[in-house]
Amino acid sequence: MRPTAPVTGSVIHEVFRRAYERGDRPALVDLRGGHVYGYRRLVTEVTRAASGLVRRGARRDQVVGVHVSTAGAQTLAVHTVVAAGGVAAPVEAEAGAYELAERLRECDARALITTPDLAESAIQAAEQSRVRQIYSLGRALDTIDFRCLLTLEPTALPALDAASQPALLLADGRRLSHAELLARMAELDARIRLDESDVVLTTWRPDGGCDLLALVSLGVSKGALVVVAAGGGDLAGTRHDFGVTVLAGPGGTLERVA
């Protein structure tokens, strides 16, 4: 059983509306995290995990910190929070426990999603904030395994007003509604005009902004393949192996290369 999807106009609807029909085609290859997400897997995990958050008492407009080390983890975490009617507050991967705790206090987050490599900092930060639940995308001591959310009985996801419902709380204090995040995706698309034949390679890392999330979301919405190589490596080899057509590089550059 699928949870009921949010209404037309929400980020979740606009990004994933054709994901089921695209099936097992790869949507996101996270080289650093070692994960390949197919379209159907990605939308299924997002909606089921969001349903799990609702089952566990997540409230509309509740702020959830997202402190993860890979683009795949950020994509899954942020869209899960947003689908549940919450507000995702991304924190740059390099932030230490003190910086993370300060950010969590500023936005009054009550939950946090992290990855095992950052779990120790997450736990330390939670002790200095009002966070009471830490979900880890992978097993980590003193955290809740994110995958437990997928096992709960599905329930309907909240209907969301795209114009007024906040989706993101950025590090600079800006709140972006669903409509504003979709507008950012459109701005990026105006520069490259993605379609299903494209392969996007990005070296951008998770931070307190929205551009990496917007780029990955744009790729998924268009049926393209997004390959993430945050940390560099053999980019020339990666470009050749995947047949890259769009490159998102250092300094926020975004250009067609084929």
C-alpha atoms as a PDB file:
ATOM      1  CA  MET A   1       0.000   0.000   0.000  1.00  0.00           C
ATOM      2  CA  ARG A   2       1.310   3.442  -0.942  1.00  0.00           C
ATOM      3  CA  PRO A   3       0.698   6.386   1.381  1.00  0.00           C
ATOM      4  CA  THR A   4      -1.554   8.992  -0.206  1.00  0.00           C
ATOM      5  CA  ALA A   5       0.640  11.510  -2.026  1.00  0.00           C
ATOM      6  CA  PRO A   6       0.413  15.229  -1.224  1.00  0.00           C
ATOM      7  CA  VAL A   7      -1.667  17.433  -3.497  1.00  0.00           C
ATOM      8  CA  THR A   8      -0.629  18.852  -6.853  1.00  0.00           C
ATOM      9  CA  GLY A   9       1.821  21.721  -6.569  1.00  0.00           C
ATOM     10  CA  SER A  10       3.791  20.373  -3.628  1.00  0.00           C
ATOM     11  CA  VAL A  11       7.485  19.619  -4.028  1.00  0.00           C
ATOM     12  CA  ILE A  12       6.841  15.908  -3.535  1.00  0.00           C
ATOM     13  CA  HIS A  13       4.187  15.778  -6.231  1.00  0.00           C
ATOM     14  CA  GLU A  14       6.165  17.818  -8.754  1.00  0.00           C
ATOM     15  CA  VAL A  15       9.429  15.925  -8.201  1.00  0.00           C
ATOM     16  CA  PHE A  16       8.075  12.378  -7.980  1.00  0.00           C
ATOM     17  CA  ARG A  17       4.831  12.374  -9.977  1.00  0.00           C
ATOM     18  CA  ARG A  18       6.314  10.150 -12.724  1.00  0.00           C
ATOM     19  CA  ALA A  19       8.683   8.160 -10.529  1.00  0.00           C
ATOM     20  CA  TYR A  20       6.559   5.002 -10.327  1.00  0.00           C
ATOM     21  CA  GLU A  21       6.164   4.729 -14.083  1.00  0.00           C
ATOM     22  CA  ARG A  22       9.940   5.164 -14.527  1.00  0.00           C
ATOM     23  CA  GLY A  23      10.366   2.070 -12.389  1.00  0.00           C
ATOM     24  CA  ASP A  24      13.861   0.814 -11.685  1.00  0.00           C
ATOM     25  CA  ARG A  25      15.647   3.252 -13.968  1.00  0.00           C
ATOM     26  CA  PRO A  26      18.497   4.850 -11.981  1.00  0.00           C
ATOM     27  CA  ALA A  27      17.675   8.333 -10.711  1.00  0.00           C
ATOM     28  CA  LEU A  28      20.611   9.067  -8.411  1.00  0.00           C
ATOM     29  CA  VAL A  29      24.071   7.525  -8.201  1.00  0.00           C
ATOM     30  CA  ASP A  30      25.839   8.599  -5.016  1.00  0.00           C
ATOM     31  CA  LEU A  31      29.474   7.608  -5.527  1.00  0.00           C
ATOM     32  CA  ARG A  32      30.591   8.722  -2.060  1.00  0.00           C
ATOM     33  CA  GLY A  33      27.754   6.984  -0.271  1.00  0.00           C
ATOM     34  CA  GLY A  34      27.942   3.921  -2.497  1.00  0.00           C
ATOM     35  CA  HIS A  35      24.216   3.959  -3.305  1.00  0.00           C
ATOM     36  CA  VAL A  36      22.198   3.747  -6.500  1.00  0.00           C
ATOM     37  CA  TYR A  37      18.599   4.905  -6.148  1.00  0.00           C
ATOM     38  CA  GLY A  38      16.096   3.865  -8.789  1.00  0.00           C
ATOM     39  CA  TYR A  39      13.053   6.063  -9.345  1.00  0.00           C
ATOM     40  CA  ARG A  40      10.554   3.670  -7.790  1.00  0.00           C
ATOM     41  CA  ARG A  41      12.802   2.899  -4.818  1.00  0.00           C
ATOM     42  CA  LEU A  42      13.398   6.581  -4.130  1.00  0.00           C
ATOM     43  CA  VAL A  43       9.744   7.618  -4.165  1.00  0.00           C
ATOM     44  CA  THR A  44       8.707   4.534  -2.188  1.00  0.00           C
ATOM     45  CA  GLU A  45      11.247   5.146   0.572  1.00  0.00           C
ATOM     46  CA  VAL A  46      10.405   8.861   0.754  1.00  0.00           C
ATOM     47  CA  THR A  47       6.650   8.343   1.046  1.00  0.00           C
ATOM     48  CA  ARG A  48       6.867   5.353   3.386  1.00  0.00           C
ATOM     49  CA  ALA A  49       9.386   7.077   5.670  1.00  0.00           C
ATOM     50  CA  ALA A  50       7.257  10.239   5.681  1.00  0.00           C
ATOM     51  CA  SER A  51       4.263   8.144   6.649  1.00  0.00           C
ATOM     52  CA  GLY A  52       6.384   6.651   9.430  1.00  0.00           C
ATOM     53  CA  LEU A  53       7.241  10.105  10.746  1.00  0.00           C
ATOM     54  CA  VAL A  54       3.551  10.981  10.805  1.00  0.00           C
ATOM     55  CA  ARG A  55       2.839   7.714  12.658  1.00  0.00           C
ATOM     56  CA  ARG A  56       5.490   8.656  15.213  1.00  0.00           C
ATOM     57  CA  GLY A  57       3.832  11.988  15.886  1.00  0.00           C
ATOM     58  CA  ALA A  58       5.501  14.408  13.459  1.00  0.00           C
ATOM     59  CA  ARG A  59       3.506  17.637  13.253  1.00  0.00           C
ATOM     60  CA  ARG A  60       2.964  20.035  10.392  1.00  0.00           C
ATOM     61  CA  ASP A  61       5.622  22.786  10.351  1.00  0.00           C
ATOM     62  CA  GLN A  62       7.850  20.880  12.779  1.00  0.00           C
ATOM     63  CA  VAL A  63      11.519  21.638  12.069  1.00  0.00           C
ATOM     64  CA  VAL A  64      13.811  18.654  11.538  1.00  0.00           C
ATOM     65  CA  GLY A  65      17.575  19.106  11.275  1.00  0.00           C
ATOM     66  CA  VAL A  66      19.343  17.308   8.417  1.00  0.00           C
ATOM     67  CA  HIS A  67      23.058  16.772   9.039  1.00  0.00           C
ATOM     68  CA  VAL A  68      24.311  14.206   6.535  1.00  0.00           C
ATOM     69  CA  SER A  69      27.465  13.588   4.539  1.00  0.00           C
ATOM     70  CA  THR A  70      26.157  12.550   1.128  1.00  0.00           C
ATOM     71  CA  ALA A  71      23.769  13.876  -1.491  1.00  0.00           C
ATOM     72  CA  GLY A  72      21.792  10.647  -1.511  1.00  0.00           C
ATOM     73  CA  ALA A  73      21.193  10.885   2.227  1.00  0.00           C
ATOM     74  CA  GLN A  74      20.250  14.557   1.948  1.00  0.00           C
ATOM     75  CA  THR A  75      17.783  13.868  -0.851  1.00  0.00           C
ATOM     76  CA  LEU A  76      16.078  11.069   1.053  1.00  0.00           C
ATOM     77  CA  ALA A  77      16.047  12.912   4.383  1.00  0.00           C
ATOM     78  CA  VAL A  78      14.833  16.301   3.165  1.00  0.00           C
ATOM     79  CA  HIS A  79      12.076  14.938   0.933  1.00  0.00           C
ATOM     80  CA  THR A  80      10.892  12.652   3.739  1.00  0.00           C
ATOM     81  CA  VAL A  81      10.556  15.594   6.127  1.00  0.00           C
ATOM     82  CA  VAL A  82       8.852  17.749   3.511  1.00  0.00           C
ATOM     83  CA  ALA A  83       6.400  15.000   2.516  1.00  0.00           C
ATOM     84  CA  ALA A  84       5.408  14.632   6.178  1.00  0.00           C
ATOM     85  CA  GLY A  85       4.506  18.334   6.279  1.00  0.00           C
ATOM     86  CA  GLY A  86       7.642  19.320   8.166  1.00  0.00           C
ATOM     87  CA  VAL A  87      10.380  21.858   7.528  1.00  0.00           C
ATOM     88  CA  ALA A  88      13.858  20.522   6.779  1.00  0.00           C
ATOM     89  CA  ALA A  89      16.791  22.521   8.160  1.00  0.00           C
ATOM     90  CA  PRO A  90      19.920  21.406   6.278  1.00  0.00           C
ATOM     91  CA  VAL A  91      23.272  21.816   8.034  1.00  0.00           C
ATOM     92  CA  GLU A  92      26.593  21.655   6.200  1.00  0.00           C
ATOM     93  CA  ALA A  93      28.317  18.299   6.478  1.00  0.00           C
ATOM     94  CA  GLU A  94      31.492  19.869   7.905  1.00  0.00           C
ATOM     95  CA  ALA A  95      29.734  21.376  10.930  1.00  0.00           C
ATOM     96  CA  GLY A  96      31.009  20.074  14.273  1.00  0.00           C
ATOM     97  CA  ALA A  97      28.932  19.272  17.345  1.00  0.00           C
ATOM     98  CA  TYR A  98      29.053  22.836  18.702  1.00  0.00           C
ATOM     99  CA  GLU A  99      27.982  24.439  15.405  1.00  0.00           C
ATOM    100  CA  LEU A 100      25.302  21.819  14.889  1.00  0.00           C
ATOM    101  CA  ALA A 101      23.883  22.334  18.396  1.00  0.00           C
ATOM    102  CA  GLU A 102      23.765  26.096  17.851  1.00  0.00           C
ATOM    103  CA  ARG A 103      21.885  25.617  14.576  1.00  0.00           C
ATOM    104  CA  LEU A 104      19.416  23.187  16.132  1.00  0.00           C
ATOM    105  CA  ARG A 105      18.699  25.626  18.979  1.00  0.00           C
ATOM    106  CA  GLU A 106      18.219  28.518  16.553  1.00  0.00           C
ATOM    107  CA  CYS A 107      15.565  26.676  14.581  1.00  0.00           C
ATOM    108  CA  ASP A 108      14.080  24.880  17.621  1.00  0.00           C
ATOM    109  CA  ALA A 109      14.414  21.476  15.961  1.00  0.00           C
ATOM    110  CA  ARG A 110      12.916  18.535  17.846  1.00  0.00           C
ATOM    111  CA  ALA A 111      14.307  15.804  15.570  1.00  0.00           C
ATOM    112  CA  LEU A 112      17.491  15.255  13.579  1.00  0.00           C
ATOM    113  CA  ILE A 113      18.404  13.014  10.646  1.00  0.00           C
ATOM    114  CA  THR A 114      22.065  12.085  10.264  1.00  0.00           C
ATOM    115  CA  THR A 115      24.414   9.467   8.808  1.00  0.00           C
ATOM    116  CA  PRO A 116      26.553   6.999  10.788  1.00  0.00           C
ATOM    117  CA  ASP A 117      29.792   8.879  10.153  1.00  0.00           C
ATOM    118  CA  LEU A 118      28.289  12.018  11.719  1.00  0.00           C
ATOM    119  CA  ALA A 119      26.257  10.298  14.437  1.00  0.00           C
ATOM    120  CA  GLU A 120      28.690  11.057  17.263  1.00  0.00           C
ATOM    121  CA  SER A 121      28.459  14.798  16.565  1.00  0.00           C
ATOM    122  CA  ALA A 122      24.690  14.487  16.206  1.00  0.00           C
ATOM    123  CA  ILE A 123      24.347  12.881  19.631  1.00  0.00           C
ATOM    124  CA  GLN A 124      26.549  15.508  21.279  1.00  0.00           C
ATOM    125  CA  ALA A 125      24.577  18.299  19.600  1.00  0.00           C
ATOM    126  CA  ALA A 126      21.231  16.799  20.628  1.00  0.00           C
ATOM    127  CA  GLU A 127      22.298  16.907  24.268  1.00  0.00           C
ATOM    128  CA  GLN A 128      22.738  20.682  23.942  1.00  0.00           C
ATOM    129  CA  SER A 129      19.431  21.311  22.138  1.00  0.00           C
ATOM    130  CA  ARG A 130      15.745  20.343  22.283  1.00  0.00           C
ATOM    131  CA  VAL A 131      16.209  17.437  19.852  1.00  0.00           C
ATOM    132  CA  ARG A 132      14.726  14.260  21.281  1.00  0.00           C
ATOM    133  CA  GLN A 133      14.802  11.904  18.294  1.00  0.00           C
ATOM    134  CA  ILE A 134      17.863  11.179  16.139  1.00  0.00           C
ATOM    135  CA  TYR A 135      17.346   9.091  13.014  1.00  0.00           C
ATOM    136  CA  SER A 136      20.383   7.619  11.291  1.00  0.00           C
ATOM    137  CA  LEU A 137      20.505   6.524   7.651  1.00  0.00           C
ATOM    138  CA  GLY A 138      22.437   3.416   8.623  1.00  0.00           C
ATOM    139  CA  ARG A 139      22.993   1.793  11.997  1.00  0.00           C
ATOM    140  CA  ALA A 140      24.592   3.977  14.656  1.00  0.00           C
ATOM    141  CA  LEU A 141      24.704   3.669  18.444  1.00  0.00           C
ATOM    142  CA  ASP A 142      22.073   5.661  20.388  1.00  0.00           C
ATOM    143  CA  THR A 143      20.091   6.572  17.262  1.00  0.00           C
ATOM    144  CA  ILE A 144      16.883   5.311  15.649  1.00  0.00           C
ATOM    145  CA  ASP A 145      17.454   3.384  12.436  1.00  0.00           C
ATOM    146  CA  PHE A 146      15.778   5.434   9.696  1.00  0.00           C
ATOM    147  CA  ARG A 147      14.630   2.228   8.046  1.00  0.00           C
ATOM    148  CA  CYS A 148      12.312   1.472  10.966  1.00  0.00           C
ATOM    149  CA  LEU A 149      10.071   4.218   9.571  1.00  0.00           C
ATOM    150  CA  LEU A 150       9.527   2.099   6.450  1.00  0.00           C
ATOM    151  CA  THR A 151       8.080  -0.775   8.475  1.00  0.00           C
ATOM    152  CA  LEU A 152       5.200   1.137  10.097  1.00  0.00           C
ATOM    153  CA  GLU A 153       1.650   0.844   8.794  1.00  0.00           C
ATOM    154  CA  PRO A 154       1.198   3.441   6.010  1.00  0.00           C
ATOM    155  CA  THR A 155      -1.035   6.414   6.659  1.00  0.00           C
ATOM    156  CA  ALA A 156      -2.165   9.362   4.552  1.00  0.00           C
ATOM    157  CA  LEU A 157       0.311  12.188   4.134  1.00  0.00           C
ATOM    158  CA  PRO A 158      -0.899  15.742   4.785  1.00  0.00           C
ATOM    159  CA  ALA A 159      -2.343  17.896   2.016  1.00  0.00           C
ATOM    160  CA  LEU A 160      -0.022  20.875   1.543  1.00  0.00           C
ATOM    161  CA  ASP A 161      -0.538  24.407   0.237  1.00  0.00           C
ATOM    162  CA  ALA A 162       2.455  24.955  -2.051  1.00  0.00           C
ATOM    163  CA  ALA A 163       2.312  28.729  -1.756  1.00  0.00           C
ATOM    164  CA  SER A 164       2.311  28.967   2.032  1.00  0.00           C
ATOM    165  CA  GLN A 165       3.677  25.682   3.366  1.00  0.00           C
ATOM    166  CA  PRO A 166       7.384  26.038   4.308  1.00  0.00           C
ATOM    167  CA  ALA A 167       9.674  23.300   3.023  1.00  0.00           C
ATOM    168  CA  LEU A 168      13.184  24.450   3.976  1.00  0.00           C
ATOM    169  CA  LEU A 169      14.771  26.567   6.687  1.00  0.00           C
ATOM    170  CA  LEU A 170      18.163  27.620   5.334  1.00  0.00           C
ATOM    171  CA  ALA A 171      21.308  28.475   7.276  1.00  0.00           C
ATOM    172  CA  ASP A 172      20.868  32.185   6.478  1.00  0.00           C
ATOM    173  CA  GLY A 173      17.445  32.166   8.160  1.00  0.00           C
ATOM    174  CA  ARG A 174      15.339  32.147   5.005  1.00  0.00           C
ATOM    175  CA  ARG A 175      12.263  29.934   4.895  1.00  0.00           C
ATOM    176  CA  LEU A 176      11.461  28.568   1.450  1.00  0.00           C
ATOM    177  CA  SER A 177       7.944  27.459   0.661  1.00  0.00           C
ATOM    178  CA  HIS A 178       7.242  24.549  -1.667  1.00  0.00           C
ATOM    179  CA  ALA A 179       6.565  27.049  -4.441  1.00  0.00           C
ATOM    180  CA  GLU A 180       9.838  28.884  -3.810  1.00  0.00           C
ATOM    181  CA  LEU A 181      11.878  25.674  -3.903  1.00  0.00           C
ATOM    182  CA  LEU A 182      10.186  24.731  -7.166  1.00  0.00           C
ATOM    183  CA  ALA A 183      11.009  28.207  -8.473  1.00  0.00           C
ATOM    184  CA  ARG A 184      14.687  27.634  -7.635  1.00  0.00           C
ATOM    185  CA  MET A 185      14.559  24.384  -9.573  1.00  0.00           C
ATOM    186  CA  ALA A 186      13.105  26.270 -12.525  1.00  0.00           C
ATOM    187  CA  GLU A 187      15.916  28.845 -12.336  1.00  0.00           C
ATOM    188  CA  LEU A 188      18.508  26.090 -12.564  1.00  0.00           C
ATOM    189  CA  ASP A 189      16.633  24.470 -15.420  1.00  0.00           C
ATOM    190  CA  ALA A 190      16.606  27.738 -17.357  1.00  0.00           C
ATOM    191  CA  ARG A 191      20.409  27.430 -17.544  1.00  0.00           C
ATOM    192  CA  ILE A 192      20.586  23.834 -18.794  1.00  0.00           C
ATOM    193  CA  ARG A 193      17.144  22.657 -20.002  1.00  0.00           C
ATOM    194  CA  LEU A 194      17.270  19.099 -18.685  1.00  0.00           C
ATOM    195  CA  ASP A 195      15.460  16.173 -20.292  1.00  0.00           C
ATOM    196  CA  GLU A 196      15.354  12.399 -19.852  1.00  0.00           C
ATOM    197  CA  SER A 197      18.476  11.830 -21.946  1.00  0.00           C
ATOM    198  CA  ASP A 198      20.699  13.919 -19.671  1.00  0.00           C
ATOM    199  CA  VAL A 199      23.277  12.772 -17.153  1.00  0.00           C
ATOM    200  CA  VAL A 200      24.190  15.388 -14.536  1.00  0.00           C
ATOM    201  CA  LEU A 201      27.499  15.120 -12.658  1.00  0.00           C
ATOM    202  CA  THR A 202      27.828  17.272  -9.548  1.00  0.00           C
ATOM    203  CA  THR A 203      30.660  17.774  -7.060  1.00  0.00           C
ATOM    204  CA  TRP A 204      28.516  19.955  -4.781  1.00  0.00           C
ATOM    205  CA  ARG A 205      28.345  18.815  -1.146  1.00  0.00           C
ATOM    206  CA  PRO A 206      25.451  19.009   1.341  1.00  0.00           C
ATOM    207  CA  ASP A 207      25.412  22.422   3.014  1.00  0.00           C
ATOM    208  CA  GLY A 208      22.993  24.842   4.631  1.00  0.00           C
ATOM    209  CA  GLY A 209      21.628  26.046   1.295  1.00  0.00           C
ATOM    210  CA  CYS A 210      19.239  24.614  -1.247  1.00  0.00           C
ATOM    211  CA  ASP A 211      21.101  24.379  -4.560  1.00  0.00           C
ATOM    212  CA  LEU A 212      22.263  20.757  -4.332  1.00  0.00           C
ATOM    213  CA  LEU A 213      18.800  19.668  -3.245  1.00  0.00           C
ATOM    214  CA  ALA A 214      17.204  21.749  -6.016  1.00  0.00           C
ATOM    215  CA  LEU A 215      19.558  20.286  -8.636  1.00  0.00           C
ATOM    216  CA  VAL A 216      18.946  16.664  -7.633  1.00  0.00           C
ATOM    217  CA  SER A 217      15.202  17.316  -7.396  1.00  0.00           C
ATOM    218  CA  LEU A 218      15.234  18.914 -10.840  1.00  0.00           C
ATOM    219  CA  GLY A 219      17.006  15.897 -12.287  1.00  0.00           C
ATOM    220  CA  VAL A 220      14.498  13.493 -10.736  1.00  0.00           C
ATOM    221  CA  SER A 221      11.528  15.552 -11.912  1.00  0.00           C
ATOM    222  CA  LYS A 222      12.862  15.547 -15.486  1.00  0.00           C
ATOM    223  CA  GLY A 223      13.706  11.854 -15.591  1.00  0.00           C
ATOM    224  CA  ALA A 224      17.457  12.484 -15.872  1.00  0.00           C
ATOM    225  CA  LEU A 225      20.263  10.655 -14.071  1.00  0.00           C
ATOM    226  CA  VAL A 226      22.164  12.568 -11.376  1.00  0.00           C
ATOM    227  CA  VAL A 227      25.653  11.340 -10.465  1.00  0.00           C
ATOM    228  CA  VAL A 228      27.206  12.796  -7.324  1.00  0.00           C
ATOM    229  CA  ALA A 229      30.973  12.796  -6.864  1.00  0.00           C
ATOM    230  CA  ALA A 230      31.393  15.153  -3.917  1.00  0.00           C
ATOM    231  CA  GLY A 231      35.076  15.103  -3.113  1.00  0.00           C
ATOM    232  CA  GLY A 232      36.310  15.005  -6.654  1.00  0.00           C
ATOM    233  CA  GLY A 233      38.251  11.899  -7.634  1.00  0.00           C
ATOM    234  CA  ASP A 234      38.709  10.952 -11.268  1.00  0.00           C
ATOM    235  CA  LEU A 235      36.131  13.321 -12.719  1.00  0.00           C
ATOM    236  CA  ALA A 236      37.358  12.824 -16.281  1.00  0.00           C
ATOM    237  CA  GLY A 237      36.875   9.076 -15.903  1.00  0.00           C
ATOM    238  CA  THR A 238      33.489   9.534 -14.291  1.00  0.00           C
ATOM    239  CA  ARG A 239      32.365  11.853 -17.087  1.00  0.00           C
ATOM    240  CA  HIS A 240      33.399   9.272 -19.670  1.00  0.00           C
ATOM    241  CA  ASP A 241      31.923   6.255 -17.847  1.00  0.00           C
ATOM    242  CA  PHE A 242      28.491   7.827 -17.360  1.00  0.00           C
ATOM    243  CA  GLY A 243      28.299   9.878 -20.552  1.00  0.00           C
ATOM    244  CA  VAL A 244      27.864  13.113 -18.614  1.00  0.00           C
ATOM    245  CA  THR A 245      26.058  15.930 -20.432  1.00  0.00           C
ATOM    246  CA  VAL A 246      25.763  18.503 -17.615  1.00  0.00           C
ATOM    247  CA  LEU A 247      28.456  19.383 -15.077  1.00  0.00           C
ATOM    248  CA  ALA A 248      27.836  21.140 -11.753  1.00  0.00           C
ATOM    249  CA  GLY A 249      31.292  22.067 -10.521  1.00  0.00           C
ATOM    250  CA  PRO A 250      33.188  24.206  -8.021  1.00  0.00           C
ATOM    251  CA  GLY A 251      31.808  27.604  -7.104  1.00  0.00           C
ATOM    252  CA  GLY A 252      28.286  26.688  -8.081  1.00  0.00           C
ATOM    253  CA  THR A 253      29.036  26.470 -11.806  1.00  0.00           C
ATOM    254  CA  LEU A 254      26.472  24.665 -13.933  1.00  0.00           C
ATOM    255  CA  GLU A 255      27.025  24.058 -17.633  1.00  0.00           C
ATOM    256  CA  ARG A 256      26.371  21.746 -20.519  1.00  0.00           C
ATOM    257  CA  VAL A 257      29.424  19.783 -21.604  1.00  0.00           C
ATOM    258  CA  ALA A 258      27.864  17.651 -24.326  1.00  0.00           C
END
